[in-house]
Amino acid sequence: MKLLDKQNGIYLLDESKFDFPSLSMMRDDLVAIGGDFHPQRLLHAYQCGLFPWFIDEYNLIHWYSPNERMVLYPEEFKISKSLKRVIKNKGFVIKSNENFEEVINHCANVKRKNEDDTWIRDEFIQAYTNLFKLDYAFSIECYLKDKLVGGLYGVLINDIFCGESMFSLEPNASKVAFYHLCQQAKQNGIKMIDCQVYNDHLESLGAREIPRVEYFKILNESVTPLTFQ
């Protein structure tokens, strides 16, 4: 790795190695640029507390580890009375991992408030589809009358689910998918859902920010080294 910006602690990754900066080397939210989406590099990034967010105009991947990390502990999910009624009466059917590629494509294409373009480019779609085929990425899908109308996807590293994106084509569909993710997490011993960065919607569902150092403490307690086949 080459240090590009000493003040902000931003590194240029070595293309021939899968190394990432350690916690003590991090300064700002943006930690490193470069590298590729080789599955081993991507999985190692999550183990090191980083995730890819953007690809810039020079085709360089930007790797982030926010100073304040948005997380949700499954038992702290806030379910409103209106959402309870939706879950009970709307007729949504929840499935897992049946249409992963359709979920990630919807996440890439759905229009979002205050966003002109998507960060989920074709390279992201291919990278996470590869992780899905390797049994590291997963989707929760919400159907209405046999049509996929909402869902989310993310990466599971031992007992931390690293959420990547969600979408909704029907009111409340993504909330219902997220609720079922929390239910499955509690049933399967998943300690924490990593939501990455703050937004109002996630806060309304019970997510909160924790310092990066606290996130790394939980990460190091939860994660054992992965072997890559």
C-alpha atoms as a PDB file:
ATOM      1  CA  MET A   1       0.000   0.000   0.000  1.00  0.00           C
ATOM      2  CA  LYS A   2       1.107   3.523  -0.764  1.00  0.00           C
ATOM      3  CA  LEU A   3       0.110   6.455   1.441  1.00  0.00           C
ATOM      4  CA  LEU A   4      -1.484   9.065  -0.817  1.00  0.00           C
ATOM      5  CA  ASP A   5      -2.791  11.533   1.766  1.00  0.00           C
ATOM      6  CA  LYS A   6      -1.010  11.535   5.130  1.00  0.00           C
ATOM      7  CA  GLN A   7      -3.363  14.038   6.765  1.00  0.00           C
ATOM      8  CA  ASN A   8      -6.522  12.060   5.944  1.00  0.00           C
ATOM      9  CA  GLY A   9      -4.947   8.602   5.974  1.00  0.00           C
ATOM     10  CA  ILE A  10      -5.899   7.565   2.441  1.00  0.00           C
ATOM     11  CA  TYR A  11      -3.969   4.691   0.858  1.00  0.00           C
ATOM     12  CA  LEU A  12      -3.559   3.389  -2.676  1.00  0.00           C
ATOM     13  CA  LEU A  13      -4.030  -0.376  -2.617  1.00  0.00           C
ATOM     14  CA  ASP A  14      -1.471  -2.754  -4.040  1.00  0.00           C
ATOM     15  CA  GLU A  15      -3.019  -4.547  -7.025  1.00  0.00           C
ATOM     16  CA  SER A  16      -1.006  -7.698  -6.333  1.00  0.00           C
ATOM     17  CA  LYS A  17      -1.987  -8.022  -2.662  1.00  0.00           C
ATOM     18  CA  PHE A  18      -5.260  -8.040  -0.706  1.00  0.00           C
ATOM     19  CA  ASP A  19      -4.018  -5.900   2.209  1.00  0.00           C
ATOM     20  CA  PHE A  20      -6.042  -3.046   3.730  1.00  0.00           C
ATOM     21  CA  PRO A  21      -5.092  -0.335   6.247  1.00  0.00           C
ATOM     22  CA  SER A  22      -5.491  -1.261   9.902  1.00  0.00           C
ATOM     23  CA  LEU A  23      -7.620   0.714  12.361  1.00  0.00           C
ATOM     24  CA  SER A  24      -4.595   2.633  13.639  1.00  0.00           C
ATOM     25  CA  MET A  25      -3.842   3.807  10.087  1.00  0.00           C
ATOM     26  CA  MET A  26      -7.333   5.233   9.482  1.00  0.00           C
ATOM     27  CA  ARG A  27      -8.142   8.923   9.758  1.00  0.00           C
ATOM     28  CA  ASP A  28     -11.123   9.952   7.630  1.00  0.00           C
ATOM     29  CA  ASP A  29     -14.131   7.962   6.404  1.00  0.00           C
ATOM     30  CA  LEU A  30     -12.452   7.305   3.047  1.00  0.00           C
ATOM     31  CA  VAL A  31      -9.595   4.935   3.832  1.00  0.00           C
ATOM     32  CA  ALA A  32      -8.288   3.565   0.548  1.00  0.00           C
ATOM     33  CA  ILE A  33      -8.697   3.659  -3.210  1.00  0.00           C
ATOM     34  CA  GLY A  34      -7.840   1.216  -5.961  1.00  0.00           C
ATOM     35  CA  GLY A  35      -7.712  -2.545  -6.004  1.00  0.00           C
ATOM     36  CA  ASP A  36     -10.353  -4.683  -7.630  1.00  0.00           C
ATOM     37  CA  PHE A  37     -13.400  -6.800  -6.844  1.00  0.00           C
ATOM     38  CA  HIS A  38     -11.659 -10.139  -6.545  1.00  0.00           C
ATOM     39  CA  PRO A  39     -13.836 -12.101  -4.091  1.00  0.00           C
ATOM     40  CA  GLN A  40     -10.958 -12.599  -1.676  1.00  0.00           C
ATOM     41  CA  ARG A  41     -10.216  -8.859  -1.602  1.00  0.00           C
ATOM     42  CA  LEU A  42     -13.886  -7.990  -1.105  1.00  0.00           C
ATOM     43  CA  LEU A  43     -14.361 -10.478   1.731  1.00  0.00           C
ATOM     44  CA  HIS A  44     -11.121  -9.359   3.363  1.00  0.00           C
ATOM     45  CA  ALA A  45     -12.328  -5.750   3.189  1.00  0.00           C
ATOM     46  CA  TYR A  46     -15.377  -6.630   5.298  1.00  0.00           C
ATOM     47  CA  GLN A  47     -13.182  -8.491   7.761  1.00  0.00           C
ATOM     48  CA  CYS A  48     -11.062  -5.344   8.034  1.00  0.00           C
ATOM     49  CA  GLY A  49     -14.086  -3.113   8.619  1.00  0.00           C
ATOM     50  CA  LEU A  50     -14.229  -1.561   5.139  1.00  0.00           C
ATOM     51  CA  PHE A  51     -16.698  -1.611   2.293  1.00  0.00           C
ATOM     52  CA  PRO A  52     -16.619  -0.303  -1.296  1.00  0.00           C
ATOM     53  CA  TRP A  53     -18.939   2.593  -2.021  1.00  0.00           C
ATOM     54  CA  PHE A  54     -18.060   4.404  -5.231  1.00  0.00           C
ATOM     55  CA  ILE A  55     -15.998   4.020  -8.374  1.00  0.00           C
ATOM     56  CA  ASP A  56     -14.614   7.374  -9.486  1.00  0.00           C
ATOM     57  CA  GLU A  57     -14.048   8.804 -12.956  1.00  0.00           C
ATOM     58  CA  TYR A  58     -10.626   7.122 -13.071  1.00  0.00           C
ATOM     59  CA  ASN A  59     -12.269   3.738 -12.484  1.00  0.00           C
ATOM     60  CA  LEU A  60     -10.789   3.498  -8.985  1.00  0.00           C
ATOM     61  CA  ILE A  61     -12.799   1.837  -6.210  1.00  0.00           C
ATOM     62  CA  HIS A  62     -13.238   3.930  -3.045  1.00  0.00           C
ATOM     63  CA  TRP A  63     -13.125   1.941   0.210  1.00  0.00           C
ATOM     64  CA  TYR A  64     -14.782   3.376   3.333  1.00  0.00           C
ATOM     65  CA  SER A  65     -14.742   2.802   7.073  1.00  0.00           C
ATOM     66  CA  PRO A  66     -16.842   5.606   8.636  1.00  0.00           C
ATOM     67  CA  ASN A  67     -15.710   7.282  11.843  1.00  0.00           C
ATOM     68  CA  GLU A  68     -19.332   6.900  12.979  1.00  0.00           C
ATOM     69  CA  ARG A  69     -20.767   3.553  11.893  1.00  0.00           C
ATOM     70  CA  MET A  70     -24.516   3.051  11.552  1.00  0.00           C
ATOM     71  CA  VAL A  71     -25.533  -0.303  13.030  1.00  0.00           C
ATOM     72  CA  LEU A  72     -28.673  -2.030  14.195  1.00  0.00           C
ATOM     73  CA  TYR A  73     -28.832  -4.700  16.855  1.00  0.00           C
ATOM     74  CA  PRO A  74     -31.646  -7.070  15.769  1.00  0.00           C
ATOM     75  CA  GLU A  75     -33.402  -6.910  19.144  1.00  0.00           C
ATOM     76  CA  GLU A  76     -33.566  -3.096  18.869  1.00  0.00           C
ATOM     77  CA  PHE A  77     -35.607  -3.016  15.662  1.00  0.00           C
ATOM     78  CA  LYS A  78     -38.493  -0.566  16.107  1.00  0.00           C
ATOM     79  CA  ILE A  79     -41.754  -1.874  14.714  1.00  0.00           C
ATOM     80  CA  SER A  80     -44.543   0.686  14.573  1.00  0.00           C
ATOM     81  CA  LYS A  81     -48.230  -0.115  14.922  1.00  0.00           C
ATOM     82  CA  SER A  82     -48.749   0.725  11.257  1.00  0.00           C
ATOM     83  CA  LEU A  83     -45.967  -1.637  10.176  1.00  0.00           C
ATOM     84  CA  LYS A  84     -47.452  -4.395  12.333  1.00  0.00           C
ATOM     85  CA  ARG A  85     -50.748  -3.917  10.482  1.00  0.00           C
ATOM     86  CA  VAL A  86     -48.973  -4.036   7.120  1.00  0.00           C
ATOM     87  CA  ILE A  87     -47.174  -7.266   8.038  1.00  0.00           C
ATOM     88  CA  LYS A  88     -50.423  -8.825   9.249  1.00  0.00           C
ATOM     89  CA  ASN A  89     -52.829  -7.642   6.560  1.00  0.00           C
ATOM     90  CA  LYS A  90     -51.010  -6.638   3.367  1.00  0.00           C
ATOM     91  CA  GLY A  91     -50.284 -10.144   2.143  1.00  0.00           C
ATOM     92  CA  PHE A  92     -46.525  -9.827   1.642  1.00  0.00           C
ATOM     93  CA  VAL A  93     -44.659 -13.126   1.250  1.00  0.00           C
ATOM     94  CA  ILE A  94     -41.005 -13.255   2.324  1.00  0.00           C
ATOM     95  CA  LYS A  95     -38.384 -15.458   0.696  1.00  0.00           C
ATOM     96  CA  SER A  96     -34.600 -15.636   0.839  1.00  0.00           C
ATOM     97  CA  ASN A  97     -32.017 -16.020  -1.920  1.00  0.00           C
ATOM     98  CA  GLU A  98     -34.422 -16.990  -4.695  1.00  0.00           C
ATOM     99  CA  ASN A  99     -33.846 -13.907  -6.872  1.00  0.00           C
ATOM    100  CA  PHE A 100     -30.588 -12.365  -5.679  1.00  0.00           C
ATOM    101  CA  GLU A 101     -29.641 -10.883  -9.041  1.00  0.00           C
ATOM    102  CA  GLU A 102     -33.081  -9.354  -9.485  1.00  0.00           C
ATOM    103  CA  VAL A 103     -32.834  -7.788  -6.020  1.00  0.00           C
ATOM    104  CA  ILE A 104     -29.443  -6.186  -6.661  1.00  0.00           C
ATOM    105  CA  ASN A 105     -30.561  -4.929 -10.075  1.00  0.00           C
ATOM    106  CA  HIS A 106     -33.636  -3.324  -8.517  1.00  0.00           C
ATOM    107  CA  CYS A 107     -31.403  -1.718  -5.879  1.00  0.00           C
ATOM    108  CA  ALA A 108     -29.256  -0.312  -8.685  1.00  0.00           C
ATOM    109  CA  ASN A 109     -32.149   1.035 -10.719  1.00  0.00           C
ATOM    110  CA  VAL A 110     -34.683   2.315  -8.202  1.00  0.00           C
ATOM    111  CA  LYS A 111     -34.912   6.106  -7.976  1.00  0.00           C
ATOM    112  CA  ARG A 112     -33.939   7.553  -4.593  1.00  0.00           C
ATOM    113  CA  LYS A 113     -34.523  10.941  -3.038  1.00  0.00           C
ATOM    114  CA  ASN A 114     -31.614  13.373  -3.479  1.00  0.00           C
ATOM    115  CA  GLU A 115     -29.684  10.946  -5.717  1.00  0.00           C
ATOM    116  CA  ASP A 116     -29.159  11.584  -9.414  1.00  0.00           C
ATOM    117  CA  ASP A 117     -27.289   8.371 -10.124  1.00  0.00           C
ATOM    118  CA  THR A 118     -26.553   5.010  -8.534  1.00  0.00           C
ATOM    119  CA  TRP A 119     -23.284   3.859  -7.029  1.00  0.00           C
ATOM    120  CA  ILE A 120     -24.249   0.236  -7.795  1.00  0.00           C
ATOM    121  CA  ARG A 121     -22.549  -0.038 -11.165  1.00  0.00           C
ATOM    122  CA  ASP A 122     -22.198  -3.190 -13.233  1.00  0.00           C
ATOM    123  CA  GLU A 123     -18.926  -3.970 -11.450  1.00  0.00           C
ATOM    124  CA  PHE A 124     -20.737  -4.008  -8.099  1.00  0.00           C
ATOM    125  CA  ILE A 125     -23.517  -6.209  -9.450  1.00  0.00           C
ATOM    126  CA  GLN A 126     -21.019  -8.754 -10.760  1.00  0.00           C
ATOM    127  CA  ALA A 127     -18.902  -8.662  -7.604  1.00  0.00           C
ATOM    128  CA  TYR A 128     -21.776  -9.324  -5.199  1.00  0.00           C
ATOM    129  CA  THR A 129     -23.339 -11.885  -7.508  1.00  0.00           C
ATOM    130  CA  ASN A 130     -20.008 -13.727  -7.314  1.00  0.00           C
ATOM    131  CA  LEU A 131     -20.170 -13.573  -3.505  1.00  0.00           C
ATOM    132  CA  PHE A 132     -23.728 -14.902  -3.652  1.00  0.00           C
ATOM    133  CA  LYS A 133     -22.541 -17.878  -5.683  1.00  0.00           C
ATOM    134  CA  LEU A 134     -19.859 -18.459  -3.041  1.00  0.00           C
ATOM    135  CA  ASP A 135     -22.497 -18.375  -0.250  1.00  0.00           C
ATOM    136  CA  TYR A 136     -21.298 -15.118   1.332  1.00  0.00           C
ATOM    137  CA  ALA A 137     -23.929 -12.703  -0.026  1.00  0.00           C
ATOM    138  CA  PHE A 138     -27.641 -13.106   0.657  1.00  0.00           C
ATOM    139  CA  SER A 139     -30.963 -11.497  -0.183  1.00  0.00           C
ATOM    140  CA  ILE A 140     -34.266 -11.060   1.613  1.00  0.00           C
ATOM    141  CA  GLU A 141     -37.140 -10.710  -0.857  1.00  0.00           C
ATOM    142  CA  CYS A 142     -40.657  -9.358  -0.415  1.00  0.00           C
ATOM    143  CA  TYR A 143     -43.365 -10.552  -2.822  1.00  0.00           C
ATOM    144  CA  LEU A 144     -46.914  -9.417  -3.405  1.00  0.00           C
ATOM    145  CA  LYS A 145     -49.132 -11.552  -5.627  1.00  0.00           C
ATOM    146  CA  ASP A 146     -46.027 -13.443  -6.783  1.00  0.00           C
ATOM    147  CA  LYS A 147     -44.274 -10.236  -7.864  1.00  0.00           C
ATOM    148  CA  LEU A 148     -40.997  -9.106  -6.293  1.00  0.00           C
ATOM    149  CA  VAL A 149     -41.812  -5.678  -4.831  1.00  0.00           C
ATOM    150  CA  GLY A 150     -39.068  -5.101  -2.262  1.00  0.00           C
ATOM    151  CA  GLY A 151     -35.961  -6.511  -0.703  1.00  0.00           C
ATOM    152  CA  LEU A 152     -32.386  -6.096   0.389  1.00  0.00           C
ATOM    153  CA  TYR A 153     -29.025  -7.759   0.040  1.00  0.00           C
ATOM    154  CA  GLY A 154     -25.803  -7.920   2.003  1.00  0.00           C
ATOM    155  CA  VAL A 155     -22.795  -9.950   3.045  1.00  0.00           C
ATOM    156  CA  LEU A 156     -22.680 -12.292   6.032  1.00  0.00           C
ATOM    157  CA  ILE A 157     -19.346 -12.477   7.825  1.00  0.00           C
ATOM    158  CA  ASN A 158     -19.899 -14.933  10.672  1.00  0.00           C
ATOM    159  CA  ASP A 159     -22.401 -13.224  13.003  1.00  0.00           C
ATOM    160  CA  ILE A 160     -22.421  -9.764  11.380  1.00  0.00           C
ATOM    161  CA  PHE A 161     -24.712  -9.051   8.435  1.00  0.00           C
ATOM    162  CA  CYS A 162     -23.272  -6.204   6.383  1.00  0.00           C
ATOM    163  CA  GLY A 163     -26.264  -4.643   4.657  1.00  0.00           C
ATOM    164  CA  GLU A 164     -25.553  -3.132   1.257  1.00  0.00           C
ATOM    165  CA  SER A 165     -28.787  -1.771  -0.212  1.00  0.00           C
ATOM    166  CA  MET A 166     -32.553  -2.164  -0.253  1.00  0.00           C
ATOM    167  CA  PHE A 167     -35.389  -1.239  -2.588  1.00  0.00           C
ATOM    168  CA  SER A 168     -39.150  -0.901  -2.526  1.00  0.00           C
ATOM    169  CA  LEU A 169     -41.638  -0.877  -5.416  1.00  0.00           C
ATOM    170  CA  GLU A 170     -44.599  -1.050  -3.044  1.00  0.00           C
ATOM    171  CA  PRO A 171     -45.064   1.085   0.095  1.00  0.00           C
ATOM    172  CA  ASN A 172     -43.405  -0.507   3.143  1.00  0.00           C
ATOM    173  CA  ALA A 173     -42.016  -3.490   1.204  1.00  0.00           C
ATOM    174  CA  SER A 174     -38.385  -2.783   2.119  1.00  0.00           C
ATOM    175  CA  LYS A 175     -39.359  -2.205   5.767  1.00  0.00           C
ATOM    176  CA  VAL A 176     -41.060  -5.589   5.832  1.00  0.00           C
ATOM    177  CA  ALA A 177     -37.962  -7.216   4.315  1.00  0.00           C
ATOM    178  CA  PHE A 178     -35.786  -5.474   6.900  1.00  0.00           C
ATOM    179  CA  TYR A 179     -38.075  -6.616   9.717  1.00  0.00           C
ATOM    180  CA  HIS A 180     -37.747 -10.215   8.535  1.00  0.00           C
ATOM    181  CA  LEU A 181     -33.974  -9.827   8.286  1.00  0.00           C
ATOM    182  CA  CYS A 182     -33.954  -8.862  11.978  1.00  0.00           C
ATOM    183  CA  GLN A 183     -36.180 -11.818  12.849  1.00  0.00           C
ATOM    184  CA  GLN A 184     -33.891 -14.219  11.002  1.00  0.00           C
ATOM    185  CA  ALA A 185     -30.868 -12.577  12.599  1.00  0.00           C
ATOM    186  CA  LYS A 186     -32.232 -13.174  16.100  1.00  0.00           C
ATOM    187  CA  GLN A 187     -33.082 -16.783  15.264  1.00  0.00           C
ATOM    188  CA  ASN A 188     -29.650 -17.508  13.813  1.00  0.00           C
ATOM    189  CA  GLY A 189     -27.412 -15.742  16.292  1.00  0.00           C
ATOM    190  CA  ILE A 190     -26.444 -12.788  14.109  1.00  0.00           C
ATOM    191  CA  LYS A 191     -25.136 -10.217  16.558  1.00  0.00           C
ATOM    192  CA  MET A 192     -25.366  -7.050  14.521  1.00  0.00           C
ATOM    193  CA  ILE A 193     -26.566  -5.592  11.212  1.00  0.00           C
ATOM    194  CA  ASP A 194     -24.037  -3.185   9.746  1.00  0.00           C
ATOM    195  CA  CYS A 195     -25.956  -0.346   8.054  1.00  0.00           C
ATOM    196  CA  GLN A 196     -22.720   1.517   7.229  1.00  0.00           C
ATOM    197  CA  VAL A 197     -23.731   5.197   7.100  1.00  0.00           C
ATOM    198  CA  TYR A 198     -26.417   7.298   8.745  1.00  0.00           C
ATOM    199  CA  ASN A 199     -29.806   8.010   7.257  1.00  0.00           C
ATOM    200  CA  ASP A 200     -33.115   9.043   8.804  1.00  0.00           C
ATOM    201  CA  HIS A 201     -34.978   5.977   7.572  1.00  0.00           C
ATOM    202  CA  LEU A 202     -32.615   3.547   9.276  1.00  0.00           C
ATOM    203  CA  GLU A 203     -32.670   5.589  12.486  1.00  0.00           C
ATOM    204  CA  SER A 204     -36.473   5.396  12.524  1.00  0.00           C
ATOM    205  CA  LEU A 205     -36.154   1.597  12.448  1.00  0.00           C
ATOM    206  CA  GLY A 206     -33.814   1.487  15.444  1.00  0.00           C
ATOM    207  CA  ALA A 207     -30.349   1.841  13.939  1.00  0.00           C
ATOM    208  CA  ARG A 208     -27.809   4.091  15.635  1.00  0.00           C
ATOM    209  CA  GLU A 209     -24.275   5.320  15.155  1.00  0.00           C
ATOM    210  CA  ILE A 210     -21.367   3.927  17.124  1.00  0.00           C
ATOM    211  CA  PRO A 211     -17.712   5.040  17.031  1.00  0.00           C
ATOM    212  CA  ARG A 212     -15.458   3.254  14.560  1.00  0.00           C
ATOM    213  CA  VAL A 213     -13.317   1.888  17.381  1.00  0.00           C
ATOM    214  CA  GLU A 214     -16.392   0.300  18.986  1.00  0.00           C
ATOM    215  CA  TYR A 215     -17.423  -1.223  15.661  1.00  0.00           C
ATOM    216  CA  PHE A 216     -13.957  -2.753  15.291  1.00  0.00           C
ATOM    217  CA  LYS A 217     -14.130  -4.190  18.792  1.00  0.00           C
ATOM    218  CA  ILE A 218     -17.371  -5.991  17.923  1.00  0.00           C
ATOM    219  CA  LEU A 219     -15.958  -6.994  14.546  1.00  0.00           C
ATOM    220  CA  ASN A 220     -12.859  -8.519  16.090  1.00  0.00           C
ATOM    221  CA  GLU A 221     -14.925 -10.390  18.663  1.00  0.00           C
ATOM    222  CA  SER A 222     -17.245 -11.765  16.018  1.00  0.00           C
ATOM    223  CA  VAL A 223     -15.103 -12.601  13.035  1.00  0.00           C
ATOM    224  CA  THR A 224     -12.730 -15.507  12.568  1.00  0.00           C
ATOM    225  CA  PRO A 225     -10.413 -15.707   9.557  1.00  0.00           C
ATOM    226  CA  LEU A 226     -12.076 -16.887   6.374  1.00  0.00           C
ATOM    227  CA  THR A 227     -10.597 -19.530   4.140  1.00  0.00           C
ATOM    228  CA  PHE A 228     -11.070 -18.871   0.459  1.00  0.00           C
ATOM    229  CA  GLN A 229     -11.544 -21.790  -1.941  1.00  0.00           C
END
